[in-house]
C-alpha atoms as a PDB file:
ATOM      1  CA  MET A   1      40.093 124.445 100.746  1.00  0.00           C
ATOM      2  CA  ARG A   2      43.660 124.215 100.497  1.00  0.00           C
ATOM      3  CA  ASP A   3      45.340 126.374 103.366  1.00  0.00           C
ATOM      4  CA  LYS A   4      48.049 128.267 102.040  1.00  0.00           C
ATOM      5  CA  ASN A   5      50.004 129.196 105.304  1.00  0.00           C
ATOM      6  CA  LEU A   6      49.739 125.526 106.375  1.00  0.00           C
ATOM      7  CA  SER A   7      50.933 124.484 102.834  1.00  0.00           C
ATOM      8  CA  LEU A   8      53.817 126.844 102.692  1.00  0.00           C
ATOM      9  CA  LYS A   9      55.281 126.000 106.244  1.00  0.00           C
ATOM     10  CA  LEU A  10      55.127 122.333 105.378  1.00  0.00           C
ATOM     11  CA  PHE A  11      57.017 122.735 102.001  1.00  0.00           C
ATOM     12  CA  LYS A  12      59.781 125.036 103.769  1.00  0.00           C
ATOM     13  CA  ASN A  13      60.215 122.358 106.316  1.00  0.00           C
ATOM     14  CA  ILE A  14      60.535 119.766 103.627  1.00  0.00           C
ATOM     15  CA  ALA A  15      63.287 122.042 102.424  1.00  0.00           C
ATOM     16  CA  ILE A  16      65.039 122.082 105.660  1.00  0.00           C
ATOM     17  CA  LEU A  17      65.207 118.302 106.239  1.00  0.00           C
ATOM     18  CA  ASN A  18      66.137 117.646 102.526  1.00  0.00           C
ATOM     19  CA  GLN A  19      69.118 120.041 103.484  1.00  0.00           C
ATOM     20  CA  PHE A  20      69.794 118.754 106.296  1.00  0.00           C
ATOM     21  CA  LEU A  21      69.640 115.163 104.740  1.00  0.00           C
ATOM     22  CA  TYR A  22      71.717 116.174 101.591  1.00  0.00           C
ATOM     23  CA  GLU A  23      74.823 116.997 104.316  1.00  0.00           C
ATOM     24  CA  GLU A  24      77.159 113.923 104.019  1.00  0.00           C
ATOM     25  CA  GLY A  25      76.974 111.917 107.391  1.00  0.00           C
ATOM     26  CA  ASN A  26      73.647 113.433 108.582  1.00  0.00           C
ATOM     27  CA  SER A  27      70.328 111.082 108.976  1.00  0.00           C
ATOM     28  CA  ILE A  28      67.342 110.499 110.636  1.00  0.00           C
ATOM     29  CA  GLU A  29      65.289 107.675 112.379  1.00  0.00           C
ATOM     30  CA  TYR A  30      62.370 107.316 111.484  1.00  0.00           C
ATOM     31  CA  ASN A  31      59.479 104.906 112.879  1.00  0.00           C
ATOM     32  CA  ASN A  32      57.178 103.434 110.442  1.00  0.00           C
ATOM     33  CA  GLY A  33      55.094 101.739 112.641  1.00  0.00           C
ATOM     34  CA  ILE A  34      57.008  98.699 112.316  1.00  0.00           C
ATOM     35  CA  THR A  35      60.068  99.317 112.870  1.00  0.00           C
ATOM     36  CA  THR A  36      62.980 102.238 113.132  1.00  0.00           C
ATOM     37  CA  LEU A  37      64.723 103.084 109.865  1.00  0.00           C
ATOM     38  CA  GLU A  38      68.079 105.263 108.815  1.00  0.00           C
ATOM     39  CA  ILE A  39      66.883 107.658 106.083  1.00  0.00           C
ATOM     40  CA  THR A  40      69.821 109.616 104.315  1.00  0.00           C
ATOM     41  CA  MET A  41      70.323 111.256 101.205  1.00  0.00           C
ATOM     42  CA  ASP A  42      72.933 110.214  98.652  1.00  0.00           C
ATOM     43  CA  GLU A  43      74.895 112.678  96.438  1.00  0.00           C
ATOM     44  CA  ASN A  44      72.305 112.134  94.100  1.00  0.00           C
ATOM     45  CA  PHE A  45      69.441 113.546  95.790  1.00  0.00           C
ATOM     46  CA  GLU A  46      68.336 110.167  96.255  1.00  0.00           C
ATOM     47  CA  TYR A  47      66.710 108.977 100.103  1.00  0.00           C
ATOM     48  CA  ARG A  48      68.381 105.731 100.991  1.00  0.00           C
ATOM     49  CA  VAL A  49      66.866 103.513 103.986  1.00  0.00           C
ATOM     50  CA  PHE A  50      69.002 101.190 106.148  1.00  0.00           C
ATOM     51  CA  ASN A  51      67.143  99.211 108.910  1.00  0.00           C
ATOM     52  CA  PRO A  52      69.530  98.886 111.701  1.00  0.00           C
ATOM     53  CA  ASN A  53      67.728  95.772 112.564  1.00  0.00           C
ATOM     54  CA  PHE A  54      69.729  93.837 109.861  1.00  0.00           C
ATOM     55  CA  PRO A  55      73.351  95.434 109.876  1.00  0.00           C
ATOM     56  CA  GLU A  56      74.300  93.124 107.198  1.00  0.00           C
ATOM     57  CA  THR A  57      72.342  94.698 104.488  1.00  0.00           C
ATOM     58  CA  LYS A  58      72.958  97.890 102.529  1.00  0.00           C
ATOM     59  CA  PRO A  59      70.942 100.985 102.559  1.00  0.00           C
ATOM     60  CA  THR A  60      68.303 100.748  99.523  1.00  0.00           C
ATOM     61  CA  ILE A  61      67.021 103.558  97.245  1.00  0.00           C
ATOM     62  CA  PHE A  62      63.770 104.769  99.640  1.00  0.00           C
ATOM     63  CA  SER A  63      63.087 107.666  97.034  1.00  0.00           C
ATOM     64  CA  SER A  64      59.217 106.920  95.730  1.00  0.00           C
ATOM     65  CA  GLU A  65      58.411 106.147  99.195  1.00  0.00           C
ATOM     66  CA  MET A  66      59.250 110.010 100.028  1.00  0.00           C
ATOM     67  CA  THR A  67      55.848 111.557  99.076  1.00  0.00           C
ATOM     68  CA  ILE A  68      54.869 114.515 100.972  1.00  0.00           C
ATOM     69  CA  PRO A  69      52.138 113.064 103.410  1.00  0.00           C
ATOM     70  CA  VAL A  70      55.405 110.492 104.300  1.00  0.00           C
ATOM     71  CA  ILE A  71      57.896 113.274 104.757  1.00  0.00           C
ATOM     72  CA  GLU A  72      55.288 115.462 107.067  1.00  0.00           C
ATOM     73  CA  ASN A  73      54.829 111.701 109.019  1.00  0.00           C
ATOM     74  CA  ILE A  74      58.750 111.729 108.888  1.00  0.00           C
ATOM     75  CA  ILE A  75      59.095 115.112 110.404  1.00  0.00           C
ATOM     76  CA  GLU A  76      56.256 114.600 113.298  1.00  0.00           C
ATOM     77  CA  ASP A  77      58.136 111.520 114.278  1.00  0.00           C
ATOM     78  CA  LEU A  78      61.152 113.680 114.946  1.00  0.00           C
ATOM     79  CA  ARG A  79      59.337 116.027 116.621  1.00  0.00           C
ATOM     80  CA  SER A  80      58.566 113.451 119.542  1.00  0.00           C
ATOM     81  CA  GLN A  81      62.209 112.407 119.555  1.00  0.00           C
ATOM     82  CA  LYS A  82      64.816 113.778 121.958  1.00  0.00           C
ATOM     83  CA  PRO A  83      67.847 115.753 120.477  1.00  0.00           C
ATOM     84  CA  LYS A  84      70.857 114.178 119.419  1.00  0.00           C
ATOM     85  CA  MET A  85      72.983 116.779 120.783  1.00  0.00           C
ATOM     86  CA  LYS A  86      73.892 116.235 124.624  1.00  0.00           C
ATOM     87  CA  ASN A  87      72.870 118.775 127.299  1.00  0.00           C
ATOM     88  CA  SER A  88      71.763 121.181 124.580  1.00  0.00           C
ATOM     89  CA  LEU A  89      68.346 123.146 124.481  1.00  0.00           C
ATOM     90  CA  PHE A  90      66.516 121.748 121.767  1.00  0.00           C
ATOM     91  CA  LYS A  91      63.211 120.395 122.749  1.00  0.00           C
ATOM     92  CA  ASN A  92      63.162 118.124 120.176  1.00  0.00           C
ATOM     93  CA  ARG A  93      65.348 116.205 117.265  1.00  0.00           C
ATOM     94  CA  TRP A  94      63.273 118.330 114.694  1.00  0.00           C
ATOM     95  CA  GLU A  95      63.754 121.648 116.678  1.00  0.00           C
ATOM     96  CA  GLU A  96      67.614 120.358 116.539  1.00  0.00           C
ATOM     97  CA  ILE A  97      67.457 119.559 112.599  1.00  0.00           C
ATOM     98  CA  PHE A  98      65.665 122.882 111.816  1.00  0.00           C
ATOM     99  CA  ILE A  99      67.675 125.337 114.016  1.00  0.00           C
ATOM    100  CA  ILE A 100      71.055 124.113 112.872  1.00  0.00           C
ATOM    101  CA  THR A 101      70.416 123.764 109.491  1.00  0.00           C
ATOM    102  CA  THR A 102      68.830 127.180 109.420  1.00  0.00           C
ATOM    103  CA  ALA A 103      71.725 128.519 111.196  1.00  0.00           C
ATOM    104  CA  ASN A 104      74.446 126.706 108.369  1.00  0.00           C
ATOM    105  CA  ASN A 105      72.245 127.795 105.463  1.00  0.00           C
ATOM    106  CA  ALA A 106      72.902 131.698 106.601  1.00  0.00           C
ATOM    107  CA  LEU A 107      76.763 131.052 107.205  1.00  0.00           C
ATOM    108  CA  LYS A 108      76.629 129.741 104.088  1.00  0.00           C
ATOM    109  CA  ARG A 109      75.389 133.034 102.541  1.00  0.00           C
ATOM    110  CA  HIS A 110      77.878 135.587 103.927  1.00  0.00           C
END
């Protein structure tokens, strides 16, 4: 049986992550079990992935791999990462992304 409350929360989180990644210059780090990847989004809404272990390579399109279960795993991984902002009250990287993106969205509405 589907839990509508869980799926609505997940879809809200996916929207927040997408809005964050769409902002130029924003990226996230995701450990896929093999290595840590850097994920961004370009102006055409394509996810891009870069492996920092191979700095000479260019980012490649990663959109087909970004399924809902993968994005859910990415969000869980972000919950275990330290926030990027130094001396902040954020508990983890996901909380940092969620609060900053939500605040930016509220400012853009006014």
